Protein backbone atom coordinates (compact mmCIF):
# COMPACT_ATOMS: atom_id res chain seq x y z
CA MET A 1 0.02 13.73 1.58
CA PRO A 2 2.64 10.53 1.45
CA LYS A 3 1.61 8.26 -1.40
CA TYR A 4 1.77 4.70 -0.37
CA LEU A 5 2.22 1.47 -2.68
CA ILE A 6 0.39 -1.52 -1.25
CA GLN A 7 0.49 -4.80 -3.36
CA ALA A 8 -1.66 -7.48 -1.97
CA THR A 9 -1.56 -11.48 -2.52
CA TYR A 10 -5.73 -13.18 -1.82
CA THR A 11 -5.25 -16.15 0.79
CA ARG A 12 -8.11 -18.91 0.10
CA ASP A 13 -10.36 -17.34 2.18
CA GLY A 14 -9.86 -13.76 0.18
CA VAL A 15 -10.29 -14.95 -3.14
CA THR A 16 -14.14 -16.29 -1.76
CA GLY A 17 -14.70 -13.27 -0.79
CA VAL A 18 -13.92 -11.70 -3.95
CA LEU A 19 -15.66 -13.79 -5.89
CA ALA A 20 -19.46 -13.68 -3.87
CA LYS A 21 -18.82 -10.13 -3.44
CA GLY A 22 -16.90 -9.24 -7.25
CA GLY A 23 -14.02 -6.75 -7.56
CA SER A 24 -16.12 -2.54 -7.13
CA SER A 25 -17.07 -3.75 -3.91
CA ARG A 26 -13.35 -4.57 -2.65
CA ARG A 27 -12.26 -1.20 -3.81
CA ASP A 28 -15.72 0.58 -2.18
CA ALA A 29 -14.68 -1.46 1.28
CA ILE A 30 -10.67 0.20 0.80
CA ALA A 31 -11.40 3.55 -0.28
CA GLN A 32 -13.46 3.77 3.11
CA MET A 33 -10.86 1.98 5.05
CA LEU A 34 -8.68 4.67 3.60
CA SER A 35 -10.67 7.10 4.15
CA ALA A 36 -11.35 6.31 7.78
CA VAL A 37 -7.66 6.64 8.85
CA GLY A 38 -7.46 10.31 6.49
CA GLY A 39 -6.30 8.74 3.01
CA GLN A 40 -7.86 8.64 0.14
CA LEU A 41 -7.22 5.72 -2.93
CA GLU A 42 -5.92 7.31 -5.73
CA SER A 43 -6.14 3.96 -7.99
CA LEU A 44 -6.49 -0.26 -7.09
CA TYR A 45 -5.76 -2.54 -10.49
CA PHE A 46 -6.51 -6.73 -10.17
CA GLY A 47 -3.83 -8.54 -11.46
CA PHE A 48 -2.78 -12.57 -11.84
CA GLY A 49 0.77 -13.93 -11.29
CA GLU A 50 2.58 -13.01 -7.43
CA ARG A 51 0.04 -10.17 -6.87
CA ASP A 52 -3.59 -9.94 -7.14
CA VAL A 53 -4.22 -6.83 -6.10
CA TRP A 54 -1.63 -3.11 -6.32
CA VAL A 55 -3.29 -0.12 -4.82
CA VAL A 56 -1.94 3.15 -4.88
CA ALA A 57 -3.56 5.40 -1.75
CA ASP A 58 -2.12 8.84 0.18
CA MET A 59 -2.52 8.52 4.05
CA PRO A 60 -1.36 11.12 6.40
CA ASP A 61 2.15 9.54 8.00
CA ASN A 62 3.50 6.00 7.99
CA GLU A 63 1.37 4.99 11.07
CA ALA A 64 -1.48 5.21 9.20
CA ALA A 65 0.00 3.34 6.62
CA ALA A 66 1.47 0.95 9.43
CA SER A 67 -2.02 0.25 10.83
CA VAL A 68 -3.77 -0.13 7.84
CA ILE A 69 -1.48 -2.94 7.03
CA MET A 70 -1.29 -4.44 9.91
CA THR A 71 -5.39 -4.44 10.21
CA VAL A 72 -5.74 -5.63 6.25
CA ASN A 73 -2.96 -8.87 7.04
CA ALA A 74 -4.85 -9.53 10.78
CA SER A 75 -7.47 -10.36 9.11
CA GLY A 76 -5.89 -13.54 7.63
CA ALA A 77 -7.52 -13.08 3.81
CA VAL A 78 -5.01 -11.36 2.59
CA MET A 79 -1.30 -10.50 3.04
CA ALA A 80 -0.28 -7.18 2.06
CA ASN A 81 2.96 -5.07 2.21
CA THR A 82 3.48 -1.68 1.81
CA THR A 83 6.04 1.12 -0.18
CA VAL A 84 6.49 4.76 0.17
CA LEU A 85 6.63 6.15 -2.98
CA LEU A 86 8.82 9.65 -3.54
CA THR A 87 7.80 12.36 -6.52
CA PRO A 88 10.75 13.22 -8.35
CA GLU A 89 11.04 15.81 -6.70
CA GLN A 90 11.75 14.46 -3.40
CA VAL A 91 14.24 12.31 -4.77
CA ASP A 92 15.67 15.66 -6.33
CA ALA A 93 15.64 16.97 -2.83
CA ALA A 94 17.51 14.02 -1.82
CA ALA A 95 20.10 14.17 -4.15
CA GLN A 96 20.71 17.40 -2.85
CA ARG A 97 21.44 16.35 0.56
CA SER A 98 24.96 15.83 1.08
CA ILE A 99 26.19 12.94 3.38
CA ASP A 100 29.04 11.32 5.01
CA TYR A 101 29.11 7.88 4.48
CA ARG A 102 32.38 5.56 4.46
CA PRO A 103 31.46 2.25 2.80
CA PRO A 104 32.32 -1.13 5.03
CA GLY A 105 36.31 -1.90 5.22
CA SER A 106 37.49 1.79 3.89
């Protein structure tokens, strides 16, 4: 199953919600949301700085990941983005592909 990194920043309303219900409540809500699209939470960490939350999740496909991120961002409590993660073996397979490419201006 494809793996995704979700990085999120809380709005003021999002921080208020975390303060009211706690971090473990957010973890449980995120795990439930991922399960609803056929995914699974691998890990969730809170931090401080430019981002507030880092989630690593397995989801069945890009459409499931897009539906999660659109739903989360539509809430207005969080601004999140997603990165598709590749295993070292997937990078090995990609490196073995022969691509005919001509750089601009060549």
